[in-house]
Protein backbone atom coordinates (compact mmCIF):
# COMPACT_ATOMS: atom_id res chain seq x y z
CA MET A 1 0.20 33.09 22.11
CA GLU A 2 -0.17 31.55 18.66
CA SER A 3 3.19 30.45 17.37
CA LEU A 4 4.55 27.83 15.04
CA ILE A 5 5.94 25.82 17.95
CA THR A 6 2.48 25.47 19.51
CA TYR A 7 1.03 23.95 16.36
CA LEU A 8 4.05 21.73 15.78
CA ILE A 9 3.88 20.36 19.32
CA LEU A 10 0.16 19.65 18.93
CA GLY A 11 0.73 17.96 15.56
CA ALA A 12 3.59 15.88 16.99
CA LEU A 13 1.40 14.93 19.94
CA LEU A 14 -1.38 13.73 17.61
CA PHE A 15 1.18 11.82 15.55
CA CYS A 16 2.70 10.14 18.63
CA ILE A 17 -0.72 9.22 20.05
CA GLY A 18 -1.56 7.65 16.68
CA ILE A 19 1.65 5.63 16.60
CA PHE A 20 1.05 4.49 20.18
CA GLY A 21 -2.53 3.55 19.25
CA ILE A 22 -1.41 1.43 16.30
CA LEU A 23 1.14 -0.38 18.45
CA GLN A 24 -1.25 -0.98 21.37
CA HIS A 25 -4.59 -1.81 19.75
CA SER A 26 -5.32 -5.32 18.66
CA SER A 27 -8.65 -4.46 17.02
CA LEU A 28 -8.87 -3.18 13.48
CA ILE A 29 -11.21 -0.32 14.41
CA GLY A 30 -8.74 0.99 17.00
CA MET A 31 -5.95 0.84 14.45
CA LEU A 32 -8.10 2.73 11.93
CA ILE A 33 -8.77 5.52 14.44
CA ALA A 34 -5.06 5.68 15.30
CA THR A 35 -4.19 5.99 11.62
CA GLU A 36 -6.61 8.89 11.31
CA LEU A 37 -4.84 10.59 14.22
CA ILE A 38 -1.50 10.20 12.42
CA LEU A 39 -2.90 11.76 9.26
CA ASN A 40 -4.50 14.61 11.23
CA GLY A 41 -1.19 15.34 12.94
CA ALA A 42 0.59 15.53 9.59
CA SER A 43 -2.15 17.74 8.16
CA LEU A 44 -1.94 20.09 11.13
CA ASN A 45 1.81 20.45 10.64
CA PHE A 46 1.36 21.27 6.94
CA MET A 47 -1.21 23.92 7.77
CA ALA A 48 0.99 25.41 10.51
CA PHE A 49 3.95 25.70 8.15
CA ASN A 50 1.61 27.22 5.58
CA MET A 51 0.31 29.81 8.02
CA PHE A 52 3.67 30.94 9.39
CA LEU A 53 6.34 30.35 6.73
CA THR A 54 5.05 30.50 3.15
CA GLU A 55 3.95 33.40 1.02
CA ASN A 56 1.57 31.30 -1.08
CA PRO A 57 -1.39 30.24 1.09
CA ALA A 58 -2.35 27.43 -1.28
CA THR A 59 0.74 25.30 -0.59
CA GLY A 60 -0.18 23.87 2.81
CA GLN A 61 -3.87 23.83 1.97
CA LEU A 62 -3.27 21.61 -1.06
CA PHE A 63 -1.26 19.18 1.05
CA ALA A 64 -4.01 19.16 3.69
CA LEU A 65 -6.68 18.49 1.05
CA PHE A 66 -4.58 15.67 -0.38
CA ILE A 67 -4.20 14.17 3.10
CA MET A 68 -7.96 14.41 3.63
CA GLY A 69 -8.54 12.56 0.36
CA VAL A 70 -6.06 9.86 1.33
CA ALA A 71 -7.73 9.56 4.75
CA ALA A 72 -11.17 9.15 3.18
CA ALA A 73 -9.92 6.47 0.78
CA GLU A 74 -8.07 4.71 3.60
CA ALA A 75 -11.18 4.73 5.77
CA ALA A 76 -13.35 3.27 3.01
CA ILE A 77 -10.89 0.48 2.20
CA ALA A 78 -10.15 -0.29 5.85
CA LEU A 79 -13.84 -0.47 6.76
CA SER A 80 -14.49 -2.86 3.88
CA ILE A 81 -11.65 -5.07 5.16
CA VAL A 82 -13.07 -4.91 8.70
CA ILE A 83 -16.52 -5.94 7.42
CA THR A 84 -14.99 -8.85 5.47
CA VAL A 85 -13.01 -10.04 8.50
CA TYR A 86 -16.09 -9.78 10.71
CA ARG A 87 -18.25 -11.74 8.27
CA LYS A 88 -15.69 -14.53 8.10
CA PHE A 89 -14.52 -14.78 11.73
CA LYS A 90 -17.27 -12.98 13.74
CA LYS A 91 -14.60 -10.85 15.47
CA ILE A 92 -12.40 -7.93 14.42
CA MET A 93 -9.18 -8.74 16.23
CA ILE A 94 -5.96 -8.37 14.24
CA ASP A 95 -5.04 -12.03 14.84
CA SER A 96 -7.88 -13.03 12.51
CA VAL A 97 -6.37 -11.24 9.55
CA SER A 98 -3.34 -13.52 9.45
CA GLU A 99 -5.67 -16.40 8.54
CA LEU A 100 -6.93 -14.61 5.40
CA LYS A 101 -4.87 -15.99 2.56
CA GLY A 102 -5.72 -16.09 -1.13
């Protein structure tokens, strides 16, 4: 039952849900969660290609670790931006960010 197509469909589904979440959410927290879904979908695809197509098992794992590092850095920076927006405007809607200049 395990095949490459199963993992690729699941990864594409995660990626599409993340894109839909970014387009639909107007809050910064919702957009952050949607971005994490996009990165998880890409990581799942790298691991699936690693498991089924490559001889060297470290290839997909290195990409997945790199994606996890990028996701952690993105989460830290995004949460600091959310905290700054909340302190200034007392709400975390994306419309507030356009007023932050300079």
